[in-house]
Amino acid sequence: MVNMDQKAKFYKVYASLPLGLRDEIVVVVDDEPLTWKAARIEVDNDTKKGSEILEKLKKLGILP
């Protein structure tokens, strides 16, 4: 379900974030604002929402 290449890129970006920034909203999916931490949980669990998060972050240019 989740693209493994995009998932690896997400983890690389996530790992480089300062700890305080991980509590900031990064993306909105289904009218729900998600922080980096919440996004990571969705990506970790290979959910449909996790896939949507990765797609949106790619479109926003946050993921290379």
PDB file of N, CA and C in Angstrom:
ATOM      1  N   MET A   1       0.815  -1.190   0.000  1.00  0.00           N
ATOM      2  CA  MET A   1       0.000   0.000   0.000  1.00  0.00           C
ATOM      3  C   MET A   1       0.866   1.265   0.000  1.00  0.00           C
ATOM      4  N   VAL A   2       1.854   1.339   0.865  1.00  0.00           N
ATOM      5  CA  VAL A   2       2.746   2.494   0.950  1.00  0.00           C
ATOM      6  C   VAL A   2       3.953   2.257   0.066  1.00  0.00           C
ATOM      7  N   ASN A   3       4.293   3.262  -0.726  1.00  0.00           N
ATOM      8  CA  ASN A   3       5.471   3.200  -1.582  1.00  0.00           C
ATOM      9  C   ASN A   3       6.722   3.197  -0.697  1.00  0.00           C
ATOM     10  N   MET A   4       7.515   2.150  -0.775  1.00  0.00           N
ATOM     11  CA  MET A   4       8.675   1.996   0.108  1.00  0.00           C
ATOM     12  C   MET A   4       9.735   3.070  -0.127  1.00  0.00           C
ATOM     13  N   ASP A   5       9.892   3.528  -1.371  1.00  0.00           N
ATOM     14  CA  ASP A   5      10.859   4.580  -1.674  1.00  0.00           C
ATOM     15  C   ASP A   5      10.438   5.887  -1.012  1.00  0.00           C
ATOM     16  N   GLN A   6       9.150   6.225  -1.123  1.00  0.00           N
ATOM     17  CA  GLN A   6       8.647   7.437  -0.484  1.00  0.00           C
ATOM     18  C   GLN A   6       8.731   7.314   1.039  1.00  0.00           C
ATOM     19  N   LYS A   7       8.487   6.125   1.534  1.00  0.00           N
ATOM     20  CA  LYS A   7       8.557   5.895   2.978  1.00  0.00           C
ATOM     21  C   LYS A   7       9.990   6.124   3.479  1.00  0.00           C
ATOM     22  N   ALA A   8      10.964   5.632   2.748  1.00  0.00           N
ATOM     23  CA  ALA A   8      12.368   5.827   3.124  1.00  0.00           C
ATOM     24  C   ALA A   8      12.732   7.312   3.105  1.00  0.00           C
ATOM     25  N   LYS A   9      12.237   8.025   2.103  1.00  0.00           N
ATOM     26  CA  LYS A   9      12.499   9.467   2.017  1.00  0.00           C
ATOM     27  C   LYS A   9      11.843  10.198   3.187  1.00  0.00           C
ATOM     28  N   PHE A  10      10.630   9.769   3.553  1.00  0.00           N
ATOM     29  CA  PHE A  10       9.947  10.367   4.695  1.00  0.00           C
ATOM     30  C   PHE A  10      10.791  10.203   5.958  1.00  0.00           C
ATOM     31  N   TYR A  11      11.270   9.002   6.199  1.00  0.00           N
ATOM     32  CA  TYR A  11      12.067   8.751   7.404  1.00  0.00           C
ATOM     33  C   TYR A  11      13.363   9.554   7.408  1.00  0.00           C
ATOM     34  N   LYS A  12      13.943   9.748   6.256  1.00  0.00           N
ATOM     35  CA  LYS A  12      15.175  10.541   6.160  1.00  0.00           C
ATOM     36  C   LYS A  12      14.909  11.996   6.533  1.00  0.00           C
ATOM     37  N   VAL A  13      13.812  12.545   6.008  1.00  0.00           N
ATOM     38  CA  VAL A  13      13.442  13.924   6.343  1.00  0.00           C
ATOM     39  C   VAL A  13      13.059  14.017   7.815  1.00  0.00           C
ATOM     40  N   TYR A  14      12.258  13.071   8.287  1.00  0.00           N
ATOM     41  CA  TYR A  14      11.804  13.067   9.678  1.00  0.00           C
ATOM     42  C   TYR A  14      12.997  13.017  10.638  1.00  0.00           C
ATOM     43  N   ALA A  15      13.970  12.194  10.339  1.00  0.00           N
ATOM     44  CA  ALA A  15      15.136  12.044  11.219  1.00  0.00           C
ATOM     45  C   ALA A  15      15.952  13.332  11.309  1.00  0.00           C
ATOM     46  N   SER A  16      15.901  14.147  10.258  1.00  0.00           N
ATOM     47  CA  SER A  16      16.701  15.378  10.262  1.00  0.00           C
ATOM     48  C   SER A  16      15.975  16.554  10.903  1.00  0.00           C
ATOM     49  N   LEU A  17      14.707  16.368  11.271  1.00  0.00           N
ATOM     50  CA  LEU A  17      13.942  17.454  11.889  1.00  0.00           C
ATOM     51  C   LEU A  17      14.378  17.692  13.325  1.00  0.00           C
ATOM     52  N   PRO A  18      14.450  18.954  13.726  1.00  0.00           N
ATOM     53  CA  PRO A  18      14.660  19.229  15.156  1.00  0.00           C
ATOM     54  C   PRO A  18      13.468  18.684  15.945  1.00  0.00           C
ATOM     55  N   LEU A  19      13.700  18.218  17.151  1.00  0.00           N
ATOM     56  CA  LEU A  19      12.651  17.584  17.942  1.00  0.00           C
ATOM     57  C   LEU A  19      11.433  18.482  18.135  1.00  0.00           C
ATOM     58  N   GLY A  20      11.642  19.758  18.341  1.00  0.00           N
ATOM     59  CA  GLY A  20      10.534  20.683  18.552  1.00  0.00           C
ATOM     60  C   GLY A  20       9.652  20.844  17.329  1.00  0.00           C
ATOM     61  N   LEU A  21      10.212  20.684  16.161  1.00  0.00           N
ATOM     62  CA  LEU A  21       9.469  20.845  14.918  1.00  0.00           C
ATOM     63  C   LEU A  21       8.535  19.668  14.653  1.00  0.00           C
ATOM     64  N   ARG A  22       8.786  18.553  15.273  1.00  0.00           N
ATOM     65  CA  ARG A  22       7.961  17.360  15.047  1.00  0.00           C
ATOM     66  C   ARG A  22       6.535  17.518  15.572  1.00  0.00           C
ATOM     67  N   ASP A  23       6.309  18.517  16.421  1.00  0.00           N
ATOM     68  CA  ASP A  23       4.969  18.792  16.936  1.00  0.00           C
ATOM     69  C   ASP A  23       4.213  19.801  16.067  1.00  0.00           C
ATOM     70  N   GLU A  24       4.834  20.265  14.989  1.00  0.00           N
ATOM     71  CA  GLU A  24       4.207  21.227  14.088  1.00  0.00           C
ATOM     72  C   GLU A  24       3.372  20.513  13.024  1.00  0.00           C
ATOM     73  N   ILE A  25       2.310  21.158  12.583  1.00  0.00           N
ATOM     74  CA  ILE A  25       1.460  20.600  11.526  1.00  0.00           C
ATOM     75  C   ILE A  25       2.228  20.627  10.211  1.00  0.00           C
ATOM     76  N   VAL A  26       2.200  19.512   9.499  1.00  0.00           N
ATOM     77  CA  VAL A  26       2.925  19.406   8.239  1.00  0.00           C
ATOM     78  C   VAL A  26       1.994  19.229   7.046  1.00  0.00           C
ATOM     79  N   VAL A  27       0.833  18.620   7.275  1.00  0.00           N
ATOM     80  CA  VAL A  27      -0.059  18.316   6.160  1.00  0.00           C
ATOM     81  C   VAL A  27      -1.495  18.201   6.676  1.00  0.00           C
ATOM     82  N   VAL A  28      -2.450  18.453   5.773  1.00  0.00           N
ATOM     83  CA  VAL A  28      -3.866  18.284   6.108  1.00  0.00           C
ATOM     84  C   VAL A  28      -4.426  17.202   5.194  1.00  0.00           C
ATOM     85  N   VAL A  29      -5.010  16.173   5.799  1.00  0.00           N
ATOM     86  CA  VAL A  29      -5.620  15.068   5.054  1.00  0.00           C
ATOM     87  C   VAL A  29      -7.055  14.919   5.542  1.00  0.00           C
ATOM     88  N   ASP A  30      -7.987  14.934   4.627  1.00  0.00           N
ATOM     89  CA  ASP A  30      -9.419  14.820   4.973  1.00  0.00           C
ATOM     90  C   ASP A  30      -9.827  15.868   6.013  1.00  0.00           C
ATOM     91  N   ASP A  31      -9.401  17.101   5.801  1.00  0.00           N
ATOM     92  CA  ASP A  31      -9.699  18.229   6.704  1.00  0.00           C
ATOM     93  C   ASP A  31      -9.160  18.021   8.115  1.00  0.00           C
ATOM     94  N   GLU A  32      -8.183  17.149   8.267  1.00  0.00           N
ATOM     95  CA  GLU A  32      -7.565  16.895   9.570  1.00  0.00           C
ATOM     96  C   GLU A  32      -6.094  17.303   9.511  1.00  0.00           C
ATOM     97  N   PRO A  33      -5.713  18.346  10.277  1.00  0.00           N
ATOM     98  CA  PRO A  33      -4.299  18.733  10.301  1.00  0.00           C
ATOM     99  C   PRO A  33      -3.484  17.681  11.059  1.00  0.00           C
ATOM    100  N   LEU A  34      -2.348  17.303  10.484  1.00  0.00           N
ATOM    101  CA  LEU A  34      -1.498  16.279  11.097  1.00  0.00           C
ATOM    102  C   LEU A  34      -0.104  16.825  11.360  1.00  0.00           C
ATOM    103  N   THR A  35       0.412  16.520  12.542  1.00  0.00           N
ATOM    104  CA  THR A  35       1.786  16.888  12.864  1.00  0.00           C
ATOM    105  C   THR A  35       2.730  15.859  12.248  1.00  0.00           C
ATOM    106  N   TRP A  36       4.002  16.169  12.299  1.00  0.00           N
ATOM    107  CA  TRP A  36       4.994  15.203  11.820  1.00  0.00           C
ATOM    108  C   TRP A  36       4.878  13.889  12.589  1.00  0.00           C
ATOM    109  N   LYS A  37       4.659  13.984  13.911  1.00  0.00           N
ATOM    110  CA  LYS A  37       4.557  12.773  14.736  1.00  0.00           C
ATOM    111  C   LYS A  37       3.352  11.928  14.333  1.00  0.00           C
ATOM    112  N   ALA A  38       2.209  12.578  14.112  1.00  0.00           N
ATOM    113  CA  ALA A  38       1.009  11.850  13.700  1.00  0.00           C
ATOM    114  C   ALA A  38       1.211  11.238  12.316  1.00  0.00           C
ATOM    115  N   ALA A  39       1.856  11.999  11.432  1.00  0.00           N
ATOM    116  CA  ALA A  39       2.133  11.487  10.085  1.00  0.00           C
ATOM    117  C   ALA A  39       3.025  10.251  10.170  1.00  0.00           C
ATOM    118  N   ARG A  40       4.001  10.286  11.054  1.00  0.00           N
ATOM    119  CA  ARG A  40       4.910   9.145  11.200  1.00  0.00           C
ATOM    120  C   ARG A  40       4.161   7.894  11.662  1.00  0.00           C
ATOM    121  N   ILE A  41       3.225   8.055  12.562  1.00  0.00           N
ATOM    122  CA  ILE A  41       2.440   6.911  13.041  1.00  0.00           C
ATOM    123  C   ILE A  41       1.668   6.280  11.885  1.00  0.00           C
ATOM    124  N   GLU A  42       1.048   7.119  11.060  1.00  0.00           N
ATOM    125  CA  GLU A  42       0.295   6.614   9.906  1.00  0.00           C
ATOM    126  C   GLU A  42       1.217   5.906   8.919  1.00  0.00           C
ATOM    127  N   VAL A  43       2.378   6.495   8.661  1.00  0.00           N
ATOM    128  CA  VAL A  43       3.336   5.889   7.725  1.00  0.00           C
ATOM    129  C   VAL A  43       3.884   4.590   8.305  1.00  0.00           C
ATOM    130  N   ASP A  44       4.198   4.587   9.596  1.00  0.00           N
ATOM    131  CA  ASP A  44       4.697   3.376  10.263  1.00  0.00           C
ATOM    132  C   ASP A  44       3.731   2.200  10.104  1.00  0.00           C
ATOM    133  N   ASN A  45       2.433   2.500  10.200  1.00  0.00           N
ATOM    134  CA  ASN A  45       1.417   1.453  10.178  1.00  0.00           C
ATOM    135  C   ASN A  45       0.892   1.140   8.779  1.00  0.00           C
ATOM    136  N   ASP A  46       1.510   1.730   7.761  1.00  0.00           N
ATOM    137  CA  ASP A  46       1.135   1.468   6.362  1.00  0.00           C
ATOM    138  C   ASP A  46      -0.362   1.639   6.107  1.00  0.00           C
ATOM    139  N   THR A  47      -0.935   2.701   6.662  1.00  0.00           N
ATOM    140  CA  THR A  47      -2.360   2.947   6.487  1.00  0.00           C
ATOM    141  C   THR A  47      -2.636   3.666   5.164  1.00  0.00           C
ATOM    142  N   LYS A  48      -3.909   3.689   4.802  1.00  0.00           N
ATOM    143  CA  LYS A  48      -4.317   4.436   3.612  1.00  0.00           C
ATOM    144  C   LYS A  48      -3.997   5.916   3.801  1.00  0.00           C
ATOM    145  N   LYS A  49      -4.237   6.412   4.997  1.00  0.00           N
ATOM    146  CA  LYS A  49      -3.927   7.806   5.299  1.00  0.00           C
ATOM    147  C   LYS A  49      -2.422   8.056   5.188  1.00  0.00           C
ATOM    148  N   GLY A  50      -1.625   7.059   5.578  1.00  0.00           N
ATOM    149  CA  GLY A  50      -0.174   7.170   5.440  1.00  0.00           C
ATOM    150  C   GLY A  50       0.238   7.344   3.989  1.00  0.00           C
ATOM    151  N   SER A  51      -0.410   6.618   3.092  1.00  0.00           N
ATOM    152  CA  SER A  51      -0.142   6.751   1.659  1.00  0.00           C
ATOM    153  C   SER A  51      -0.520   8.136   1.161  1.00  0.00           C
ATOM    154  N   GLU A  52      -1.665   8.639   1.620  1.00  0.00           N
ATOM    155  CA  GLU A  52      -2.104   9.975   1.231  1.00  0.00           C
ATOM    156  C   GLU A  52      -1.131  11.038   1.733  1.00  0.00           C
ATOM    157  N   ILE A  53      -0.624  10.850   2.944  1.00  0.00           N
ATOM    158  CA  ILE A  53       0.346  11.783   3.511  1.00  0.00           C
ATOM    159  C   ILE A  53       1.590  11.830   2.644  1.00  0.00           C
ATOM    160  N   LEU A  54       2.114  10.664   2.291  1.00  0.00           N
ATOM    161  CA  LEU A  54       3.322  10.614   1.471  1.00  0.00           C
ATOM    162  C   LEU A  54       3.102  11.278   0.116  1.00  0.00           C
ATOM    163  N   GLU A  55       1.941  11.047  -0.494  1.00  0.00           N
ATOM    164  CA  GLU A  55       1.627  11.666  -1.783  1.00  0.00           C
ATOM    165  C   GLU A  55       1.579  13.184  -1.670  1.00  0.00           C
ATOM    166  N   LYS A  56       0.924  13.678  -0.620  1.00  0.00           N
ATOM    167  CA  LYS A  56       0.811  15.131  -0.438  1.00  0.00           C
ATOM    168  C   LYS A  56       2.166  15.762  -0.147  1.00  0.00           C
ATOM    169  N   LEU A  57       2.975  15.103   0.664  1.00  0.00           N
ATOM    170  CA  LEU A  57       4.303  15.654   0.974  1.00  0.00           C
ATOM    171  C   LEU A  57       5.171  15.690  -0.279  1.00  0.00           C
ATOM    172  N   LYS A  58       5.015  14.717  -1.151  1.00  0.00           N
ATOM    173  CA  LYS A  58       5.744  14.694  -2.418  1.00  0.00           C
ATOM    174  C   LYS A  58       5.301  15.876  -3.294  1.00  0.00           C
ATOM    175  N   LYS A  59       3.974  16.070  -3.404  1.00  0.00           N
ATOM    176  CA  LYS A  59       3.436  17.163  -4.214  1.00  0.00           C
ATOM    177  C   LYS A  59       3.848  18.528  -3.671  1.00  0.00           C
ATOM    178  N   LEU A  60       3.958  18.648  -2.345  1.00  0.00           N
ATOM    179  CA  LEU A  60       4.357  19.906  -1.726  1.00  0.00           C
ATOM    180  C   LEU A  60       5.862  20.164  -1.839  1.00  0.00           C
ATOM    181  N   GLY A  61       6.615  19.160  -2.279  1.00  0.00           N
ATOM    182  CA  GLY A  61       8.059  19.309  -2.404  1.00  0.00           C
ATOM    183  C   GLY A  61       8.813  19.089  -1.103  1.00  0.00           C
ATOM    184  N   ILE A  62       8.125  18.573  -0.095  1.00  0.00           N
ATOM    185  CA  ILE A  62       8.779  18.303   1.188  1.00  0.00           C
ATOM    186  C   ILE A  62       9.608  17.026   1.095  1.00  0.00           C
ATOM    187  N   LEU A  63       9.112  16.045   0.336  1.00  0.00           N
ATOM    188  CA  LEU A  63       9.881  14.836   0.076  1.00  0.00           C
ATOM    189  C   LEU A  63      10.555  14.979  -1.279  1.00  0.00           C
ATOM    190  N   PRO A  64      11.836  14.664  -1.339  1.00  0.00           N
ATOM    191  CA  PRO A  64      12.542  14.784  -2.638  1.00  0.00           C
ATOM    192  C   PRO A  64      12.076  13.756  -3.652  1.00  0.00           C
TER     193      PRO A  64
END
